[in-house]
Amino acid sequence: MNGGPSGFNNAPVTRILVIACVLFTIIFGIQGRSNKLGWSYEDIFKKFQIWKLILSIFGFASTPELIFGTYLLYYFRIFERQIGSNKYSVFILFSAIVSLVLEVLAMKIVKDSSLKTLTSGPYGLIFASFVPFYLDIPVSTRYRVFSLHFSDKTFIYVAGLQLLFSSWKRSLLPGICGILAGSLYRLNILRIRSMKFPEFIASFFSRLSWPSSGNIPPAAPARNTVGNMPSYAGRQVEGNYPAPVRSTVDPPEDSISTLVSMGFDRNSARQALIRARNDVNAATNILLESQAR
């Protein structure tokens, strides 16, 4: 399971976030100040160093956390492609703010001596993304190793668990707060899912990001949506994908229904599945890229 075409095509906000996390982690790591990225109860409630809350979002405390964290951020770029960079920026801001508020409240209430400093990194965004990942991304492949059953989503969950327990309570609390933030976004609190930034702010990220390979233009904002997913009909499926294997067998009906439920035209969904060799996730990205052309 790869989350669509490689690279940051149609995902400029994710690209900036990943680069920022890598740079902050490396710079603070070289200076031996990785422990300064996190924040503690005393920092917020006694020293009033509120700026540490913002700084803690952009850097991981260790190399393993950086590897798993940036991998998950890179994979979850699929959501930026689905809802567009503008709404995805709102999702990032909402999940970051809500998870930080929940963390601060938890630190205020619990006052656990073992939680002197929380680990740093965009835990709110990463674990908020697991909510739509669990609910919206279908399983396209299942397999078994010995007596254990796996799917193409298994490795993403494993990477998430590794990150969640990387620093035990120090990382567990931000992860749980991130899941709660993602759930609130899913419930459309304050109609957050329909909010957008002004267009000049959204286009800023596209201008700031250098062009990706393949010269695929940034995704245009969706005009019609069904369940916050792009909706369009009758558009020919295009993209830099291998030519479909000739076959007289139609794609599985449940796969077609899954794409139709996302708002795609039935005929376009069928073409995309044929081109993607019945991989629902790859077909979704083919359809999303075709509407951006």
Protein backbone atom coordinates (compact mmCIF):
# COMPACT_ATOMS: atom_id res chain seq x y z
CA MET A 1 0.00 0.00 0.00
CA ASN A 2 1.76 3.16 -1.16
CA GLY A 3 -0.77 5.98 -0.88
CA GLY A 4 -0.73 6.71 -4.60
CA PRO A 5 1.90 7.98 -7.03
CA SER A 6 5.34 8.51 -5.54
CA GLY A 7 6.61 11.97 -4.72
CA PHE A 8 4.74 15.05 -3.52
CA ASN A 9 2.66 15.60 -6.64
CA ASN A 10 -0.48 17.55 -5.66
CA ALA A 11 0.69 17.62 -2.03
CA PRO A 12 2.68 20.88 -1.54
CA VAL A 13 1.57 21.37 2.07
CA THR A 14 2.75 17.89 3.04
CA ARG A 15 6.08 18.54 1.33
CA ILE A 16 6.68 21.73 3.34
CA LEU A 17 5.71 20.01 6.59
CA VAL A 18 8.00 17.03 6.00
CA ILE A 19 10.95 19.26 5.06
CA ALA A 20 10.36 21.46 8.13
CA CYS A 21 10.28 18.42 10.45
CA VAL A 22 13.48 16.99 8.98
CA LEU A 23 15.34 20.32 9.18
CA PHE A 24 14.24 21.11 12.74
CA THR A 25 15.11 17.60 13.94
CA ILE A 26 18.56 17.64 12.28
CA ILE A 27 19.45 21.17 13.40
CA PHE A 28 18.46 20.62 17.03
CA GLY A 29 20.03 17.15 16.96
CA ILE A 30 23.38 18.48 15.74
CA GLN A 31 23.35 21.11 18.48
CA GLY A 32 22.48 18.45 21.06
CA ARG A 33 19.28 20.25 21.94
CA SER A 34 16.68 17.67 20.85
CA ASN A 35 15.35 17.58 24.39
CA LYS A 36 14.58 21.30 24.11
CA LEU A 37 11.94 20.65 21.45
CA GLY A 38 9.45 19.20 23.92
CA TRP A 39 7.51 21.16 26.52
CA SER A 40 6.77 20.55 30.18
CA TYR A 41 4.12 21.52 32.70
CA GLU A 42 6.47 24.10 34.22
CA ASP A 43 7.27 25.60 30.78
CA ILE A 44 3.60 26.42 30.19
CA PHE A 45 2.07 27.08 33.60
CA LYS A 46 5.04 28.60 35.49
CA LYS A 47 7.44 30.04 32.92
CA PHE A 48 4.66 30.87 30.39
CA GLN A 49 6.84 29.79 27.46
CA ILE A 50 3.88 29.35 25.11
CA TRP A 51 6.18 29.47 22.09
CA LYS A 52 7.41 25.99 23.02
CA LEU A 53 4.00 24.58 22.07
CA ILE A 54 4.52 25.79 18.50
CA LEU A 55 8.17 24.76 18.32
CA SER A 56 7.35 21.25 19.54
CA ILE A 57 5.23 20.55 16.45
CA PHE A 58 8.07 20.79 13.95
CA GLY A 59 10.78 18.51 15.31
CA PHE A 60 11.06 14.93 16.54
CA ALA A 61 12.99 14.00 19.65
CA SER A 62 14.95 11.11 18.10
CA THR A 63 15.96 9.59 14.77
CA PRO A 64 13.60 6.57 15.00
CA GLU A 65 10.67 8.91 15.69
CA LEU A 66 11.74 11.05 12.72
CA ILE A 67 11.83 8.02 10.40
CA PHE A 68 8.42 6.66 11.37
CA GLY A 69 6.87 10.11 11.71
CA THR A 70 7.94 11.42 8.31
CA TYR A 71 6.97 8.11 6.66
CA LEU A 72 3.45 8.44 8.05
CA LEU A 73 3.25 12.12 7.07
CA TYR A 74 4.39 11.16 3.57
CA TYR A 75 1.83 8.38 3.31
CA PHE A 76 -1.02 10.53 4.62
CA ARG A 77 -0.46 12.99 1.75
CA ILE A 78 -3.24 10.96 0.14
CA PHE A 79 -5.70 13.04 2.20
CA GLU A 80 -4.31 16.29 0.82
CA ARG A 81 -4.88 14.90 -2.65
CA GLN A 82 -8.42 13.89 -1.76
CA ILE A 83 -9.71 17.09 -0.16
CA GLY A 84 -7.27 19.60 -1.67
CA SER A 85 -4.41 21.58 -0.12
CA ASN A 86 -6.70 24.31 1.20
CA LYS A 87 -8.94 22.07 3.30
CA TYR A 88 -5.97 19.92 4.27
CA SER A 89 -4.28 23.03 5.69
CA VAL A 90 -7.40 23.61 7.80
CA PHE A 91 -7.21 19.97 8.94
CA ILE A 92 -3.55 20.43 9.95
CA LEU A 93 -4.26 23.62 11.89
CA PHE A 94 -7.35 22.18 13.60
CA SER A 95 -5.68 18.89 14.60
CA ALA A 96 -2.55 20.67 15.86
CA ILE A 97 -4.42 23.26 17.95
CA VAL A 98 -7.03 20.86 19.38
CA SER A 99 -4.47 18.17 20.25
CA LEU A 100 -2.22 20.75 21.96
CA VAL A 101 -5.16 22.12 23.96
CA LEU A 102 -6.07 18.58 25.03
CA GLU A 103 -2.45 17.88 25.98
CA VAL A 104 -2.27 21.04 28.08
CA LEU A 105 -5.52 20.16 29.85
CA ALA A 106 -4.32 16.60 30.46
CA MET A 107 -1.03 17.84 31.91
CA LYS A 108 -2.96 20.27 34.13
CA ILE A 109 -5.32 17.57 35.42
CA VAL A 110 -3.05 14.53 35.66
CA LYS A 111 0.17 16.10 37.01
CA ASP A 112 2.05 12.83 36.56
CA SER A 113 5.68 13.10 37.71
CA SER A 114 6.72 10.77 34.87
CA LEU A 115 5.26 13.25 32.36
CA LYS A 116 7.58 16.15 33.09
CA THR A 117 8.22 16.70 29.36
CA LEU A 118 6.11 15.48 26.44
CA THR A 119 7.88 14.27 23.33
CA SER A 120 7.94 16.58 20.33
CA GLY A 121 6.71 16.17 16.76
CA PRO A 122 3.45 16.59 14.79
CA TYR A 123 1.75 13.83 16.76
CA GLY A 124 -1.59 15.62 16.64
CA LEU A 125 -1.68 15.65 12.84
CA ILE A 126 -0.29 12.13 12.41
CA PHE A 127 -2.70 10.43 14.78
CA ALA A 128 -5.64 12.59 13.73
CA SER A 129 -4.99 11.22 10.22
CA PHE A 130 -5.50 7.67 11.47
CA VAL A 131 -9.22 8.43 11.92
CA PRO A 132 -9.96 8.93 8.18
CA PHE A 133 -7.38 6.24 7.38
CA TYR A 134 -9.36 3.70 9.41
CA LEU A 135 -12.80 4.85 8.25
CA ASP A 136 -12.28 5.91 4.63
CA ILE A 137 -9.39 3.97 3.14
CA PRO A 138 -10.57 0.51 2.04
CA VAL A 139 -8.52 -2.66 2.30
CA SER A 140 -7.57 -3.74 -1.20
CA THR A 141 -5.36 -6.73 -0.41
CA ARG A 142 -5.49 -9.38 2.31
CA TYR A 143 -2.91 -12.08 2.91
CA ARG A 144 -1.86 -14.54 5.56
CA VAL A 145 1.54 -15.35 7.00
CA PHE A 146 1.49 -18.65 8.86
CA SER A 147 -1.72 -18.33 10.92
CA LEU A 148 -1.71 -14.52 11.07
CA HIS A 149 -3.94 -12.42 8.83
CA PHE A 150 -2.68 -9.13 7.37
CA SER A 151 -3.84 -6.49 4.91
CA ASP A 152 -2.17 -3.77 2.89
CA LYS A 153 -3.01 -1.36 5.75
CA THR A 154 -1.16 -3.41 8.38
CA PHE A 155 2.25 -1.75 8.02
CA ILE A 156 0.73 1.71 8.47
CA TYR A 157 -0.83 0.60 11.75
CA VAL A 158 2.46 -0.98 12.84
CA ALA A 159 4.36 2.24 12.08
CA GLY A 160 1.74 4.17 14.04
CA LEU A 161 2.03 1.88 17.06
CA GLN A 162 5.81 2.16 16.95
CA LEU A 163 5.54 5.96 17.01
CA LEU A 164 2.78 5.94 19.63
CA PHE A 165 4.87 3.94 22.14
CA SER A 166 8.29 5.31 21.12
CA SER A 167 8.61 7.33 24.34
CA TRP A 168 5.95 5.52 26.36
CA LYS A 169 3.75 7.99 28.26
CA ARG A 170 5.55 10.99 26.76
CA SER A 171 4.41 9.96 23.28
CA LEU A 172 1.25 8.06 24.23
CA LEU A 173 -0.53 11.16 25.53
CA PRO A 174 0.06 13.29 22.37
CA GLY A 175 -0.99 10.32 20.23
CA ILE A 176 -4.28 9.86 22.09
CA CYS A 177 -4.97 13.60 21.94
CA GLY A 178 -4.33 13.48 18.19
CA ILE A 179 -6.87 10.68 17.75
CA LEU A 180 -9.42 12.71 19.73
CA ALA A 181 -8.71 15.75 17.55
CA GLY A 182 -9.21 13.66 14.40
CA SER A 183 -12.50 12.35 15.80
CA LEU A 184 -13.74 15.88 16.48
CA TYR A 185 -12.82 16.88 12.93
CA ARG A 186 -14.66 13.83 11.66
CA LEU A 187 -17.75 14.84 13.66
CA ASN A 188 -17.56 18.22 11.88
CA ILE A 189 -17.45 20.27 15.09
CA LEU A 190 -18.25 23.93 14.29
CA ARG A 191 -18.63 22.82 10.64
CA ILE A 192 -14.85 22.66 10.45
CA ARG A 193 -14.85 20.34 7.41
CA SER A 194 -16.45 23.02 5.24
CA MET A 195 -13.99 25.77 6.23
CA LYS A 196 -11.30 27.07 3.89
CA PHE A 197 -8.48 29.56 4.02
CA PRO A 198 -8.57 32.57 1.68
CA GLU A 199 -7.30 31.55 -1.74
CA PHE A 200 -4.15 33.69 -1.56
CA ILE A 201 -3.02 31.75 1.53
CA ALA A 202 -3.70 28.40 -0.12
CA SER A 203 -1.78 29.35 -3.26
CA PHE A 204 1.18 30.47 -1.16
CA PHE A 205 2.19 26.88 -0.46
CA SER A 206 2.09 26.01 -4.15
CA ARG A 207 4.35 28.94 -5.02
CA LEU A 208 6.69 28.13 -2.14
CA SER A 209 7.09 24.49 -3.20
CA TRP A 210 9.36 23.64 -6.11
CA PRO A 211 7.83 21.67 -8.99
CA SER A 212 7.54 17.92 -8.57
CA SER A 213 8.71 15.41 -11.12
CA GLY A 214 6.14 14.61 -13.71
CA ASN A 215 5.01 18.27 -14.02
CA ILE A 216 1.57 17.49 -12.67
CA PRO A 217 -0.18 20.73 -11.74
CA PRO A 218 -1.55 21.28 -8.26
CA ALA A 219 -5.02 19.96 -7.69
CA ALA A 220 -7.80 22.45 -8.33
CA PRO A 221 -10.31 22.92 -5.55
CA ALA A 222 -13.26 20.60 -5.89
CA ARG A 223 -16.47 22.35 -6.94
CA ASN A 224 -18.89 19.61 -6.07
CA THR A 225 -18.39 17.28 -3.15
CA VAL A 226 -20.07 14.22 -1.78
CA GLY A 227 -19.03 13.55 1.80
CA ASN A 228 -16.13 15.99 1.33
CA MET A 229 -14.84 13.99 -1.63
CA PRO A 230 -14.42 15.38 -5.19
CA SER A 231 -17.37 14.68 -7.47
CA TYR A 232 -17.29 14.87 -11.24
CA ALA A 233 -18.61 12.78 -14.09
CA GLY A 234 -17.65 11.60 -17.50
CA ARG A 235 -14.00 12.66 -17.35
CA GLN A 236 -11.54 10.47 -19.20
CA VAL A 237 -9.07 8.79 -16.89
CA GLU A 238 -5.52 9.94 -17.54
CA GLY A 239 -2.17 9.93 -15.79
CA ASN A 240 1.30 8.47 -15.88
CA TYR A 241 0.21 4.92 -15.19
CA PRO A 242 0.92 1.69 -17.06
CA ALA A 243 -1.48 0.80 -19.82
CA PRO A 244 -4.20 -1.51 -18.52
CA VAL A 245 -3.96 -5.20 -19.21
CA ARG A 246 -6.58 -6.21 -21.77
CA SER A 247 -9.28 -8.17 -20.05
CA THR A 248 -12.92 -9.01 -20.65
CA VAL A 249 -13.53 -9.34 -16.91
CA ASP A 250 -15.03 -6.27 -15.25
CA PRO A 251 -13.56 -4.99 -11.97
CA PRO A 252 -15.28 -6.25 -8.79
CA GLU A 253 -18.63 -4.57 -8.21
CA ASP A 254 -17.75 -3.73 -4.61
CA SER A 255 -14.64 -1.86 -5.77
CA ILE A 256 -16.68 0.13 -8.28
CA SER A 257 -19.28 0.88 -5.59
CA THR A 258 -16.55 2.09 -3.23
CA LEU A 259 -15.33 4.64 -5.77
CA VAL A 260 -18.86 5.67 -6.71
CA SER A 261 -19.62 6.28 -3.03
CA MET A 262 -16.69 8.72 -2.98
CA GLY A 263 -18.44 10.77 -5.69
CA PHE A 264 -16.77 9.45 -8.83
CA ASP A 265 -18.64 8.63 -12.03
CA ARG A 266 -19.27 4.91 -12.44
CA ASN A 267 -17.70 4.65 -15.90
CA SER A 268 -14.63 6.64 -14.82
CA ALA A 269 -14.32 4.43 -11.73
CA ARG A 270 -14.41 1.31 -13.88
CA GLN A 271 -11.71 2.68 -16.24
CA ALA A 272 -9.51 3.65 -13.31
CA LEU A 273 -9.82 0.20 -11.73
CA ILE A 274 -8.87 -1.45 -15.01
CA ARG A 275 -5.85 0.82 -15.33
CA ALA A 276 -4.89 0.23 -11.69
CA ARG A 277 -5.39 -3.53 -11.98
CA ASN A 278 -8.26 -3.42 -9.46
CA ASP A 279 -6.24 -1.60 -6.77
CA VAL A 280 -8.85 0.72 -5.20
CA ASN A 281 -6.28 3.08 -3.69
CA ALA A 282 -4.33 3.48 -6.92
CA ALA A 283 -7.60 3.93 -8.83
CA THR A 284 -8.64 6.68 -6.42
CA ASN A 285 -5.43 8.58 -7.09
CA ILE A 286 -5.78 8.12 -10.86
CA LEU A 287 -9.25 9.71 -10.67
CA LEU A 288 -8.03 12.53 -8.43
CA GLU A 289 -5.14 13.31 -10.78
CA SER A 290 -7.42 13.28 -13.82
CA GLN A 291 -9.61 16.02 -12.34
CA ALA A 292 -6.55 18.19 -11.69
CA ARG A 293 -5.61 18.29 -15.38
